Structures are given as structure tokens and as C-alpha cells.
Amino acid sequence: MEARAIAKHVRMSPRKVRLVVDLIRGKDVDEAYTILQFTTKAAAEPVGKTLRSAVANATVKAQDEGQVLDVDDLVVSEIRVDEGPTQHRFRAAAMGRAAPIMKRTSHITVVVDKRST
């Protein structure tokens, strides 16, 4: 049984978030929680929130189908970071010019699934 969660418009560049996402891809949910807890990157917080949301979605989906889901059987089957809309800002530069500042955003998608036995 597959469940997903999507966090949109996270105010962090996709490149920085992908560094954290690569650490937990394909891992068990408990192991992914532990890795995120001890990762010093700022992106670990939104990725962790999205992972918790995906696990909660899986438990609700299992209850709706009349099944009991053990969280220990869940695996991060797919996790990806897509680029969201970029906010364009400008900073004053020398000789009356303007220097662009790109405030990038990310869309984080987490899919959890039962471990295949």
C-alpha cells in the first residue's frame, strides 16, 4: 500500500534539499527518522515533516481499508525534490546598477510503501 505526501513552496533551494533527501532514499522509515534527527543540515526539518505526513497518510489509508499497518514495515520507496517558483529580488549595485537575487523554492515529494517480502 502506497501513500504520499507533498510539501510545496519550501523556501530552500532544491540543491540543498537534495543533499538531505539522498541520505534517506530507499531506507526504512525508522532509520530515515534517525538519520534526519542527527543531520545538521537545515533541510532535514522540512524533509522530516513531509516524511511524518506520508507515514500518517499511510496509517489513515490502512484504517480506511480495514487493515492494521505496522510502521516498522514502511520503506521510503520514492523521494524527490522538484524546483518550485523562484522569487526574483534585486539588490543595489555599484554605479546605479541592480544585482539580481534569486530566492529559490522546492517541492518535496515523499512516497512510502510496505516493505516487499
PDB file of N, CA and C in Angstrom:
ATOM      1  N   MET A   1       0.835  -1.165   0.000  1.00  0.00           N
ATOM      2  CA  MET A   1       0.000   0.000   0.000  1.00  0.00           C
ATOM      3  C   MET A   1       0.891   1.243   0.000  1.00  0.00           C
ATOM      4  N   GLU A   2       0.648   2.095  -0.929  1.00  0.00           N
ATOM      5  CA  GLU A   2       1.480   3.258  -1.144  1.00  0.00           C
ATOM      6  C   GLU A   2       0.775   4.512  -0.647  1.00  0.00           C
ATOM      7  N   ALA A   3       1.516   5.380   0.026  1.00  0.00           N
ATOM      8  CA  ALA A   3       0.983   6.664   0.477  1.00  0.00           C
ATOM      9  C   ALA A   3       2.020   7.739   0.196  1.00  0.00           C
ATOM     10  N   ARG A   4       1.542   8.939  -0.097  1.00  0.00           N
ATOM     11  CA  ARG A   4       2.460  10.010  -0.447  1.00  0.00           C
ATOM     12  C   ARG A   4       2.116  11.288   0.300  1.00  0.00           C
ATOM     13  N   ALA A   5       3.101  12.165   0.378  1.00  0.00           N
ATOM     14  CA  ALA A   5       2.918  13.497   0.942  1.00  0.00           C
ATOM     15  C   ALA A   5       3.779  14.457   0.137  1.00  0.00           C
ATOM     16  N   ILE A   6       3.256  15.654  -0.083  1.00  0.00           N
ATOM     17  CA  ILE A   6       3.958  16.657  -0.881  1.00  0.00           C
ATOM     18  C   ILE A   6       4.014  17.959  -0.085  1.00  0.00           C
ATOM     19  N   ALA A   7       5.202  18.508   0.053  1.00  0.00           N
ATOM     20  CA  ALA A   7       5.387  19.824   0.666  1.00  0.00           C
ATOM     21  C   ALA A   7       5.773  20.780  -0.452  1.00  0.00           C
ATOM     22  N   LYS A   8       4.951  21.790  -0.666  1.00  0.00           N
ATOM     23  CA  LYS A   8       5.207  22.723  -1.756  1.00  0.00           C
ATOM     24  C   LYS A   8       5.703  24.064  -1.227  1.00  0.00           C
ATOM     25  N   HIS A   9       6.428  24.753  -2.057  1.00  0.00           N
ATOM     26  CA  HIS A   9       6.916  26.106  -1.798  1.00  0.00           C
ATOM     27  C   HIS A   9       7.777  26.184  -0.544  1.00  0.00           C
ATOM     28  N   VAL A  10       8.629  25.196  -0.340  1.00  0.00           N
ATOM     29  CA  VAL A  10       9.572  25.212   0.782  1.00  0.00           C
ATOM     30  C   VAL A  10      10.671  26.205   0.424  1.00  0.00           C
ATOM     31  N   ARG A  11      10.913  27.203   1.282  1.00  0.00           N
ATOM     32  CA  ARG A  11      11.843  28.284   0.970  1.00  0.00           C
ATOM     33  C   ARG A  11      13.292  27.855   1.175  1.00  0.00           C
ATOM     34  N   MET A  12      13.722  26.927   0.326  1.00  0.00           N
ATOM     35  CA  MET A  12      15.086  26.425   0.361  1.00  0.00           C
ATOM     36  C   MET A  12      15.411  25.953  -1.049  1.00  0.00           C
ATOM     37  N   SER A  13      16.641  26.133  -1.468  1.00  0.00           N
ATOM     38  CA  SER A  13      16.975  25.754  -2.834  1.00  0.00           C
ATOM     39  C   SER A  13      16.948  24.235  -2.985  1.00  0.00           C
ATOM     40  N   PRO A  14      16.489  23.748  -4.132  1.00  0.00           N
ATOM     41  CA  PRO A  14      16.402  22.307  -4.357  1.00  0.00           C
ATOM     42  C   PRO A  14      17.743  21.591  -4.219  1.00  0.00           C
ATOM     43  N   ARG A  15      18.818  22.254  -4.566  1.00  0.00           N
ATOM     44  CA  ARG A  15      20.136  21.633  -4.473  1.00  0.00           C
ATOM     45  C   ARG A  15      20.480  21.301  -3.024  1.00  0.00           C
ATOM     46  N   LYS A  16      20.152  22.199  -2.104  1.00  0.00           N
ATOM     47  CA  LYS A  16      20.429  21.963  -0.686  1.00  0.00           C
ATOM     48  C   LYS A  16      19.540  20.859  -0.122  1.00  0.00           C
ATOM     49  N   VAL A  17      18.282  20.811  -0.564  1.00  0.00           N
ATOM     50  CA  VAL A  17      17.355  19.797  -0.057  1.00  0.00           C
ATOM     51  C   VAL A  17      17.731  18.420  -0.597  1.00  0.00           C
ATOM     52  N   ARG A  18      18.206  18.357  -1.822  1.00  0.00           N
ATOM     53  CA  ARG A  18      18.581  17.066  -2.415  1.00  0.00           C
ATOM     54  C   ARG A  18      19.733  16.396  -1.666  1.00  0.00           C
ATOM     55  N   LEU A  19      20.610  17.191  -1.055  1.00  0.00           N
ATOM     56  CA  LEU A  19      21.697  16.616  -0.260  1.00  0.00           C
ATOM     57  C   LEU A  19      21.149  15.785   0.900  1.00  0.00           C
ATOM     58  N   VAL A  20      20.063  16.249   1.513  1.00  0.00           N
ATOM     59  CA  VAL A  20      19.454  15.531   2.639  1.00  0.00           C
ATOM     60  C   VAL A  20      18.610  14.373   2.136  1.00  0.00           C
ATOM     61  N   VAL A  21      17.881  14.592   1.055  1.00  0.00           N
ATOM     62  CA  VAL A  21      16.985  13.571   0.509  1.00  0.00           C
ATOM     63  C   VAL A  21      17.767  12.338   0.066  1.00  0.00           C
ATOM     64  N   ASP A  22      18.957  12.549  -0.473  1.00  0.00           N
ATOM     65  CA  ASP A  22      19.776  11.421  -0.922  1.00  0.00           C
ATOM     66  C   ASP A  22      20.204  10.513   0.228  1.00  0.00           C
ATOM     67  N   LEU A  23      20.223  11.053   1.453  1.00  0.00           N
ATOM     68  CA  LEU A  23      20.622  10.254   2.610  1.00  0.00           C
ATOM     69  C   LEU A  23      19.583   9.200   2.988  1.00  0.00           C
ATOM     70  N   ILE A  24      18.285   9.486   2.736  1.00  0.00           N
ATOM     71  CA  ILE A  24      17.229   8.593   3.231  1.00  0.00           C
ATOM     72  C   ILE A  24      16.516   7.814   2.130  1.00  0.00           C
ATOM     73  N   ARG A  25      16.884   8.027   0.899  1.00  0.00           N
ATOM     74  CA  ARG A  25      16.214   7.324  -0.202  1.00  0.00           C
ATOM     75  C   ARG A  25      16.411   5.817  -0.073  1.00  0.00           C
ATOM     76  N   GLY A  26      15.293   5.052  -0.053  1.00  0.00           N
ATOM     77  CA  GLY A  26      15.342   3.599  -0.003  1.00  0.00           C
ATOM     78  C   GLY A  26      15.495   3.015   1.388  1.00  0.00           C
ATOM     79  N   LYS A  27      15.560   3.841   2.417  1.00  0.00           N
ATOM     80  CA  LYS A  27      15.757   3.355   3.780  1.00  0.00           C
ATOM     81  C   LYS A  27      14.415   3.050   4.453  1.00  0.00           C
ATOM     82  N   ASP A  28      14.480   2.287   5.564  1.00  0.00           N
ATOM     83  CA  ASP A  28      13.297   2.079   6.387  1.00  0.00           C
ATOM     84  C   ASP A  28      12.909   3.409   7.025  1.00  0.00           C
ATOM     85  N   VAL A  29      11.634   3.535   7.391  1.00  0.00           N
ATOM     86  CA  VAL A  29      11.146   4.787   7.942  1.00  0.00           C
ATOM     87  C   VAL A  29      11.836   5.108   9.273  1.00  0.00           C
ATOM     88  N   ASP A  30      12.005   4.097  10.135  1.00  0.00           N
ATOM     89  CA  ASP A  30      12.668   4.338  11.420  1.00  0.00           C
ATOM     90  C   ASP A  30      14.112   4.795  11.222  1.00  0.00           C
ATOM     91  N   GLU A  31      14.799   4.170  10.296  1.00  0.00           N
ATOM     92  CA  GLU A  31      16.175   4.550  10.011  1.00  0.00           C
ATOM     93  C   GLU A  31      16.238   5.955   9.418  1.00  0.00           C
ATOM     94  N   ALA A  32      15.267   6.294   8.576  1.00  0.00           N
ATOM     95  CA  ALA A  32      15.214   7.629   7.979  1.00  0.00           C
ATOM     96  C   ALA A  32      14.978   8.689   9.053  1.00  0.00           C
ATOM     97  N   TYR A  33      14.093   8.397  10.023  1.00  0.00           N
ATOM     98  CA  TYR A  33      13.869   9.330  11.133  1.00  0.00           C
ATOM     99  C   TYR A  33      15.170   9.584  11.886  1.00  0.00           C
ATOM    100  N   THR A  34      15.917   8.528  12.163  1.00  0.00           N
ATOM    101  CA  THR A  34      17.161   8.652  12.910  1.00  0.00           C
ATOM    102  C   THR A  34      18.192   9.468  12.138  1.00  0.00           C
ATOM    103  N   ILE A  35      18.305   9.215  10.854  1.00  0.00           N
ATOM    104  CA  ILE A  35      19.257   9.962  10.029  1.00  0.00           C
ATOM    105  C   ILE A  35      18.901  11.439  10.014  1.00  0.00           C
ATOM    106  N   LEU A  36      17.615  11.747   9.850  1.00  0.00           N
ATOM    107  CA  LEU A  36      17.193  13.147   9.802  1.00  0.00           C
ATOM    108  C   LEU A  36      17.382  13.842  11.149  1.00  0.00           C
ATOM    109  N   GLN A  37      17.207  13.105  12.219  1.00  0.00           N
ATOM    110  CA  GLN A  37      17.341  13.692  13.551  1.00  0.00           C
ATOM    111  C   GLN A  37      18.770  14.154  13.814  1.00  0.00           C
ATOM    112  N   PHE A  38      19.748  13.409  13.302  1.00  0.00           N
ATOM    113  CA  PHE A  38      21.143  13.729  13.564  1.00  0.00           C
ATOM    114  C   PHE A  38      21.846  14.414  12.392  1.00  0.00           C
ATOM    115  N   THR A  39      21.099  14.820  11.387  1.00  0.00           N
ATOM    116  CA  THR A  39      21.671  15.565  10.274  1.00  0.00           C
ATOM    117  C   THR A  39      21.671  17.046  10.631  1.00  0.00           C
ATOM    118  N   THR A  40      22.788  17.707  10.429  1.00  0.00           N
ATOM    119  CA  THR A  40      22.905  19.111  10.824  1.00  0.00           C
ATOM    120  C   THR A  40      22.414  20.080   9.750  1.00  0.00           C
ATOM    121  N   LYS A  41      21.996  19.589   8.622  1.00  0.00           N
ATOM    122  CA  LYS A  41      21.517  20.453   7.548  1.00  0.00           C
ATOM    123  C   LYS A  41      20.149  21.030   7.902  1.00  0.00           C
ATOM    124  N   ALA A  42      19.883  22.257   7.478  1.00  0.00           N
ATOM    125  CA  ALA A  42      18.601  22.902   7.753  1.00  0.00           C
ATOM    126  C   ALA A  42      17.459  22.232   6.998  1.00  0.00           C
ATOM    127  N   ALA A  43      17.767  21.584   5.885  1.00  0.00           N
ATOM    128  CA  ALA A  43      16.733  20.939   5.078  1.00  0.00           C
ATOM    129  C   ALA A  43      16.168  19.692   5.740  1.00  0.00           C
ATOM    130  N   ALA A  44      16.804  19.201   6.805  1.00  0.00           N
ATOM    131  CA  ALA A  44      16.323  17.996   7.479  1.00  0.00           C
ATOM    132  C   ALA A  44      14.950  18.215   8.109  1.00  0.00           C
ATOM    133  N   GLU A  45      14.658  19.433   8.540  1.00  0.00           N
ATOM    134  CA  GLU A  45      13.363  19.713   9.177  1.00  0.00           C
ATOM    135  C   GLU A  45      12.184  19.595   8.207  1.00  0.00           C
ATOM    136  N   PRO A  46      12.176  20.285   7.058  1.00  0.00           N
ATOM    137  CA  PRO A  46      11.030  20.115   6.154  1.00  0.00           C
ATOM    138  C   PRO A  46      10.923  18.710   5.562  1.00  0.00           C
ATOM    139  N   VAL A  47      12.066  18.051   5.338  1.00  0.00           N
ATOM    140  CA  VAL A  47      12.028  16.678   4.827  1.00  0.00           C
ATOM    141  C   VAL A  47      11.426  15.748   5.879  1.00  0.00           C
ATOM    142  N   GLY A  48      11.795  15.951   7.141  1.00  0.00           N
ATOM    143  CA  GLY A  48      11.243  15.143   8.225  1.00  0.00           C
ATOM    144  C   GLY A  48       9.752  15.341   8.398  1.00  0.00           C
ATOM    145  N   LYS A  49       9.297  16.582   8.281  1.00  0.00           N
ATOM    146  CA  LYS A  49       7.863  16.861   8.387  1.00  0.00           C
ATOM    147  C   LYS A  49       7.085  16.188   7.262  1.00  0.00           C
ATOM    148  N   THR A  50       7.642  16.216   6.069  1.00  0.00           N
ATOM    149  CA  THR A  50       6.982  15.586   4.931  1.00  0.00           C
ATOM    150  C   THR A  50       6.961  14.073   5.086  1.00  0.00           C
ATOM    151  N   LEU A  51       8.039  13.498   5.612  1.00  0.00           N
ATOM    152  CA  LEU A  51       8.091  12.058   5.859  1.00  0.00           C
ATOM    153  C   LEU A  51       7.050  11.650   6.901  1.00  0.00           C
ATOM    154  N   ARG A  52       6.941  12.418   7.991  1.00  0.00           N
ATOM    155  CA  ARG A  52       5.927  12.118   9.007  1.00  0.00           C
ATOM    156  C   ARG A  52       4.521  12.208   8.436  1.00  0.00           C
ATOM    157  N   SER A  53       4.301  13.170   7.558  1.00  0.00           N
ATOM    158  CA  SER A  53       2.994  13.312   6.928  1.00  0.00           C
ATOM    159  C   SER A  53       2.681  12.110   6.034  1.00  0.00           C
ATOM    160  N   ALA A  54       3.668  11.623   5.300  1.00  0.00           N
ATOM    161  CA  ALA A  54       3.457  10.451   4.441  1.00  0.00           C
ATOM    162  C   ALA A  54       3.135   9.215   5.268  1.00  0.00           C
ATOM    163  N   VAL A  55       3.809   9.047   6.417  1.00  0.00           N
ATOM    164  CA  VAL A  55       3.538   7.902   7.291  1.00  0.00           C
ATOM    165  C   VAL A  55       2.133   8.010   7.874  1.00  0.00           C
ATOM    166  N   ALA A  56       1.731   9.216   8.269  1.00  0.00           N
ATOM    167  CA  ALA A  56       0.374   9.417   8.788  1.00  0.00           C
ATOM    168  C   ALA A  56      -0.665   9.130   7.715  1.00  0.00           C
ATOM    169  N   ASN A  57      -0.389   9.541   6.480  1.00  0.00           N
ATOM    170  CA  ASN A  57      -1.306   9.252   5.378  1.00  0.00           C
ATOM    171  C   ASN A  57      -1.426   7.746   5.151  1.00  0.00           C
ATOM    172  N   ALA A  58      -0.331   7.028   5.307  1.00  0.00           N
ATOM    173  CA  ALA A  58      -0.357   5.568   5.124  1.00  0.00           C
ATOM    174  C   ALA A  58      -1.197   4.896   6.204  1.00  0.00           C
ATOM    175  N   THR A  59      -1.069   5.357   7.455  1.00  0.00           N
ATOM    176  CA  THR A  59      -1.860   4.744   8.531  1.00  0.00           C
ATOM    177  C   THR A  59      -3.341   5.026   8.356  1.00  0.00           C
ATOM    178  N   VAL A  60      -3.698   6.233   7.954  1.00  0.00           N
ATOM    179  CA  VAL A  60      -5.110   6.566   7.719  1.00  0.00           C
ATOM    180  C   VAL A  60      -5.660   5.766   6.544  1.00  0.00           C
ATOM    181  N   LYS A  61      -4.868   5.625   5.506  1.00  0.00           N
ATOM    182  CA  LYS A  61      -5.294   4.858   4.335  1.00  0.00           C
ATOM    183  C   LYS A  61      -5.524   3.392   4.701  1.00  0.00           C
ATOM    184  N   ALA A  62      -4.667   2.846   5.564  1.00  0.00           N
ATOM    185  CA  ALA A  62      -4.828   1.457   6.006  1.00  0.00           C
ATOM    186  C   ALA A  62      -6.078   1.298   6.860  1.00  0.00           C
ATOM    187  N   GLN A  63      -6.348   2.270   7.731  1.00  0.00           N
ATOM    188  CA  GLN A  63      -7.552   2.210   8.559  1.00  0.00           C
ATOM    189  C   GLN A  63      -8.814   2.282   7.714  1.00  0.00           C
ATOM    190  N   ASP A  64      -8.788   3.088   6.668  1.00  0.00           N
ATOM    191  CA  ASP A  64      -9.948   3.195   5.781  1.00  0.00           C
ATOM    192  C   ASP A  64     -10.226   1.886   5.061  1.00  0.00           C
ATOM    193  N   GLU A  65      -9.169   1.123   4.802  1.00  0.00           N
ATOM    194  CA  GLU A  65      -9.333  -0.162   4.132  1.00  0.00           C
ATOM    195  C   GLU A  65      -9.553  -1.298   5.121  1.00  0.00           C
ATOM    196  N   GLY A  66      -9.586  -0.984   6.416  1.00  0.00           N
ATOM    197  CA  GLY A  66      -9.831  -2.003   7.431  1.00  0.00           C
ATOM    198  C   GLY A  66      -8.623  -2.852   7.766  1.00  0.00           C
ATOM    199  N   GLN A  67      -7.436  -2.344   7.516  1.00  0.00           N
ATOM    200  CA  GLN A  67      -6.208  -3.078   7.790  1.00  0.00           C
ATOM    201  C   GLN A  67      -5.481  -2.431   8.953  1.00  0.00           C
ATOM    202  N   VAL A  68      -4.582  -3.184   9.550  1.00  0.00           N
ATOM    203  CA  VAL A  68      -3.708  -2.648  10.587  1.00  0.00           C
ATOM    204  C   VAL A  68      -2.317  -2.521   9.985  1.00  0.00           C
ATOM    205  N   LEU A  69      -1.758  -1.323  10.059  1.00  0.00           N
ATOM    206  CA  LEU A  69      -0.457  -1.067   9.448  1.00  0.00           C
ATOM    207  C   LEU A  69       0.596  -0.937  10.536  1.00  0.00           C
ATOM    208  N   ASP A  70       1.671  -1.695  10.394  1.00  0.00           N
ATOM    209  CA  ASP A  70       2.808  -1.575  11.287  1.00  0.00           C
ATOM    210  C   ASP A  70       3.804  -0.613  10.648  1.00  0.00           C
ATOM    211  N   VAL A  71       4.118   0.466  11.345  1.00  0.00           N
ATOM    212  CA  VAL A  71       5.000   1.492  10.798  1.00  0.00           C
ATOM    213  C   VAL A  71       6.399   0.942  10.535  1.00  0.00           C
ATOM    214  N   ASP A  72       6.783  -0.113  11.261  1.00  0.00           N
ATOM    215  CA  ASP A  72       8.111  -0.703  11.067  1.00  0.00           C
ATOM    216  C   ASP A  72       8.255  -1.362   9.695  1.00  0.00           C
ATOM    217  N   ASP A  73       7.139  -1.643   9.019  1.00  0.00           N
ATOM    218  CA  ASP A  73       7.183  -2.285   7.709  1.00  0.00           C
ATOM    219  C   ASP A  73       7.264  -1.286   6.557  1.00  0.00           C
ATOM    220  N   LEU A  74       7.240   0.006   6.865  1.00  0.00           N
ATOM    221  CA  LEU A  74       7.242   1.018   5.807  1.00  0.00           C
ATOM    222  C   LEU A  74       8.665   1.370   5.375  1.00  0.00           C
ATOM    223  N   VAL A  75       8.798   1.622   4.074  1.00  0.00           N
ATOM    224  CA  VAL A  75      10.076   1.975   3.457  1.00  0.00           C
ATOM    225  C   VAL A  75       9.860   3.234   2.623  1.00  0.00           C
ATOM    226  N   VAL A  76      10.861   4.104   2.580  1.00  0.00           N
ATOM    227  CA  VAL A  76      10.804   5.274   1.708  1.00  0.00           C
ATOM    228  C   VAL A  76      11.065   4.784   0.290  1.00  0.00           C
ATOM    229  N   SER A  77       9.994   4.522  -0.453  1.00  0.00           N
ATOM    230  CA  SER A  77      10.156   3.935  -1.775  1.00  0.00           C
ATOM    231  C   SER A  77      10.546   4.964  -2.824  1.00  0.00           C
ATOM    232  N   GLU A  78      10.056   6.182  -2.669  1.00  0.00           N
ATOM    233  CA  GLU A  78      10.394   7.236  -3.633  1.00  0.00           C
ATOM    234  C   GLU A  78      10.432   8.561  -2.891  1.00  0.00           C
ATOM    235  N   ILE A  79      11.437   9.340  -3.163  1.00  0.00           N
ATOM    236  CA  ILE A  79      11.529  10.684  -2.595  1.00  0.00           C
ATOM    237  C   ILE A  79      12.245  11.547  -3.610  1.00  0.00           C
ATOM    238  N   ARG A  80      11.657  12.698  -3.903  1.00  0.00           N
ATOM    239  CA  ARG A  80      12.272  13.572  -4.896  1.00  0.00           C
ATOM    240  C   ARG A  80      12.039  15.032  -4.535  1.00  0.00           C
ATOM    241  N   VAL A  81      12.883  15.871  -5.086  1.00  0.00           N
ATOM    242  CA  VAL A  81      12.797  17.310  -4.868  1.00  0.00           C
ATOM    243  C   VAL A  81      12.730  17.971  -6.226  1.00  0.00           C
ATOM    244  N   ASP A  82      11.655  18.700  -6.461  1.00  0.00           N
ATOM    245  CA  ASP A  82      11.488  19.434  -7.706  1.00  0.00           C
ATOM    246  C   ASP A  82      11.638  20.930  -7.422  1.00  0.00           C
ATOM    247  N   GLU A  83      11.951  21.654  -8.450  1.00  0.00           N
ATOM    248  CA  GLU A  83      12.125  23.092  -8.300  1.00  0.00           C
ATOM    249  C   GLU A  83      10.774  23.780  -8.324  1.00  0.00           C
ATOM    250  N   GLY A  84      10.550  24.653  -7.361  1.00  0.00           N
ATOM    251  CA  GLY A  84       9.316  25.433  -7.304  1.00  0.00           C
ATOM    252  C   GLY A  84       9.529  26.784  -7.957  1.00  0.00           C
ATOM    253  N   PRO A  85       8.579  27.691  -7.797  1.00  0.00           N
ATOM    254  CA  PRO A  85       8.738  29.020  -8.386  1.00  0.00           C
ATOM    255  C   PRO A  85       9.856  29.803  -7.692  1.00  0.00           C
ATOM    256  N   THR A  86      10.546  30.601  -8.472  1.00  0.00           N
ATOM    257  CA  THR A  86      11.647  31.408  -7.957  1.00  0.00           C
ATOM    258  C   THR A  86      11.178  32.841  -7.773  1.00  0.00           C
ATOM    259  N   GLN A  87      11.449  33.402  -6.589  1.00  0.00           N
ATOM    260  CA  GLN A  87      11.138  34.804  -6.340  1.00  0.00           C
ATOM    261  C   GLN A  87      12.332  35.643  -6.789  1.00  0.00           C
ATOM    262  N   HIS A  88      12.068  36.637  -7.594  1.00  0.00           N
ATOM    263  CA  HIS A  88      13.134  37.482  -8.121  1.00  0.00           C
ATOM    264  C   HIS A  88      13.190  38.779  -7.318  1.00  0.00           C
ATOM    265  N   ARG A  89      14.362  39.047  -6.740  1.00  0.00           N
ATOM    266  CA  ARG A  89      14.586  40.265  -5.981  1.00  0.00           C
ATOM    267  C   ARG A  89      15.827  40.947  -6.547  1.00  0.00           C
ATOM    268  N   PHE A  90      15.979  42.227  -6.257  1.00  0.00           N
ATOM    269  CA  PHE A  90      17.137  42.961  -6.748  1.00  0.00           C
ATOM    270  C   PHE A  90      17.809  43.700  -5.604  1.00  0.00           C
ATOM    271  N   ARG A  91      19.126  43.779  -5.700  1.00  0.00           N
ATOM    272  CA  ARG A  91      19.938  44.446  -4.701  1.00  0.00           C
ATOM    273  C   ARG A  91      20.696  45.564  -5.403  1.00  0.00           C
ATOM    274  N   ALA A  92      20.822  46.680  -4.747  1.00  0.00           N
ATOM    275  CA  ALA A  92      21.541  47.801  -5.340  1.00  0.00           C
ATOM    276  C   ALA A  92      23.013  47.433  -5.531  1.00  0.00           C
ATOM    277  N   ALA A  93      23.542  47.805  -6.689  1.00  0.00           N
ATOM    278  CA  ALA A  93      24.940  47.529  -7.003  1.00  0.00           C
ATOM    279  C   ALA A  93      25.636  48.844  -7.346  1.00  0.00           C
ATOM    280  N   ALA A  94      26.888  48.750  -7.673  1.00  0.00           N
ATOM    281  CA  ALA A  94      27.687  49.946  -7.945  1.00  0.00           C
ATOM    282  C   ALA A  94      27.213  50.660  -9.205  1.00  0.00           C
ATOM    283  N   MET A  95      27.416  51.945  -9.247  1.00  0.00           N
ATOM    284  CA  MET A  95      27.134  52.804 -10.399  1.00  0.00           C
ATOM    285  C   MET A  95      25.675  52.731 -10.850  1.00  0.00           C
ATOM    286  N   GLY A  96      24.752  52.655  -9.900  1.00  0.00           N
ATOM    287  CA  GLY A  96      23.329  52.708 -10.223  1.00  0.00           C
ATOM    288  C   GLY A  96      22.768  51.449 -10.826  1.00  0.00           C
ATOM    289  N   ARG A  97      23.519  50.366 -10.778  1.00  0.00           N
ATOM    290  CA  ARG A  97      23.033  49.111 -11.350  1.00  0.00           C
ATOM    291  C   ARG A  97      22.277  48.309 -10.293  1.00  0.00           C
ATOM    292  N   ALA A  98      21.677  47.206 -10.726  1.00  0.00           N
ATOM    293  CA  ALA A  98      20.973  46.303  -9.814  1.00  0.00           C
ATOM    294  C   ALA A  98      21.511  44.890 -10.016  1.00  0.00           C
ATOM    295  N   ALA A  99      21.718  44.199  -8.913  1.00  0.00           N
ATOM    296  CA  ALA A  99      22.196  42.814  -8.964  1.00  0.00           C
ATOM    297  C   ALA A  99      21.032  41.899  -8.593  1.00  0.00           C
ATOM    298  N   PRO A 100      20.760  40.891  -9.405  1.00  0.00           N
ATOM    299  CA  PRO A 100      19.604  40.022  -9.110  1.00  0.00           C
ATOM    300  C   PRO A 100      19.869  39.082  -7.940  1.00  0.00           C
ATOM    301  N   ILE A 101      18.831  38.824  -7.167  1.00  0.00           N
ATOM    302  CA  ILE A 101      18.858  37.828  -6.099  1.00  0.00           C
ATOM    303  C   ILE A 101      17.729  36.854  -6.396  1.00  0.00           C
ATOM    304  N   MET A 102      18.049  35.573  -6.544  1.00  0.00           N
ATOM    305  CA  MET A 102      17.060  34.544  -6.834  1.00  0.00           C
ATOM    306  C   MET A 102      16.734  33.798  -5.544  1.00  0.00           C
ATOM    307  N   LYS A 103      15.519  33.916  -5.076  1.00  0.00           N
ATOM    308  CA  LYS A 103      15.087  33.190  -3.881  1.00  0.00           C
ATOM    309  C   LYS A 103      14.351  31.941  -4.349  1.00  0.00           C
ATOM    310  N   ARG A 104      15.045  30.824  -4.315  1.00  0.00           N
ATOM    311  CA  ARG A 104      14.525  29.586  -4.886  1.00  0.00           C
ATOM    312  C   ARG A 104      13.649  28.842  -3.887  1.00  0.00           C
ATOM    313  N   THR A 105      12.693  28.077  -4.425  1.00  0.00           N
ATOM    314  CA  THR A 105      11.816  27.254  -3.596  1.00  0.00           C
ATOM    315  C   THR A 105      11.832  25.819  -4.108  1.00  0.00           C
ATOM    316  N   SER A 106      11.330  24.900  -3.269  1.00  0.00           N
ATOM    317  CA  SER A 106      11.364  23.481  -3.595  1.00  0.00           C
ATOM    318  C   SER A 106      10.004  22.848  -3.360  1.00  0.00           C
ATOM    319  N   HIS A 107       9.736  21.791  -4.093  1.00  0.00           N
ATOM    320  CA  HIS A 107       8.593  20.920  -3.848  1.00  0.00           C
ATOM    321  C   HIS A 107       9.166  19.552  -3.464  1.00  0.00           C
ATOM    322  N   ILE A 108       8.836  19.080  -2.248  1.00  0.00           N
ATOM    323  CA  ILE A 108       9.357  17.807  -1.748  1.00  0.00           C
ATOM    324  C   ILE A 108       8.244  16.773  -1.819  1.00  0.00           C
ATOM    325  N   THR A 109       8.489  15.646  -2.483  1.00  0.00           N
ATOM    326  CA  THR A 109       7.519  14.563  -2.593  1.00  0.00           C
ATOM    327  C   THR A 109       8.103  13.310  -1.949  1.00  0.00           C
ATOM    328  N   VAL A 110       7.357  12.737  -0.986  1.00  0.00           N
ATOM    329  CA  VAL A 110       7.789  11.533  -0.296  1.00  0.00           C
ATOM    330  C   VAL A 110       6.721  10.463  -0.505  1.00  0.00           C
ATOM    331  N   VAL A 111       7.134   9.274  -0.951  1.00  0.00           N
ATOM    332  CA  VAL A 111       6.232   8.133  -1.124  1.00  0.00           C
ATOM    333  C   VAL A 111       6.745   7.001  -0.248  1.00  0.00           C
ATOM    334  N   VAL A 112       5.876   6.511   0.653  1.00  0.00           N
ATOM    335  CA  VAL A 112       6.219   5.362   1.492  1.00  0.00           C
ATOM    336  C   VAL A 112       5.384   4.175   1.045  1.00  0.00           C
ATOM    337  N   ASP A 113       5.970   2.996   1.183  1.00  0.00           N
ATOM    338  CA  ASP A 113       5.306   1.776   0.753  1.00  0.00           C
ATOM    339  C   ASP A 113       5.677   0.657   1.720  1.00  0.00           C
ATOM    340  N   LYS A 114       4.876  -0.411   1.729  1.00  0.00           N
ATOM    341  CA  LYS A 114       5.198  -1.558   2.555  1.00  0.00           C
ATOM    342  C   LYS A 114       6.442  -2.241   2.015  1.00  0.00           C
ATOM    343  N   ARG A 115       7.230  -2.769   2.936  1.00  0.00           N
ATOM    344  CA  ARG A 115       8.436  -3.487   2.544  1.00  0.00           C
ATOM    345  C   ARG A 115       8.035  -4.748   1.793  1.00  0.00           C
ATOM    346  N   SER A 116       8.630  -4.983   0.636  1.00  0.00           N
ATOM    347  CA  SER A 116       8.325  -6.174  -0.134  1.00  0.00           C
ATOM    348  C   SER A 116       9.074  -7.362   0.467  1.00  0.00           C
ATOM    349  N   THR A 117       8.331  -8.422   0.768  1.00  0.00           N
ATOM    350  CA  THR A 117       8.945  -9.595   1.391  1.00  0.00           C
ATOM    351  C   THR A 117       9.040 -10.752   0.429  1.00  0.00           C
TER     352      THR A 117
END
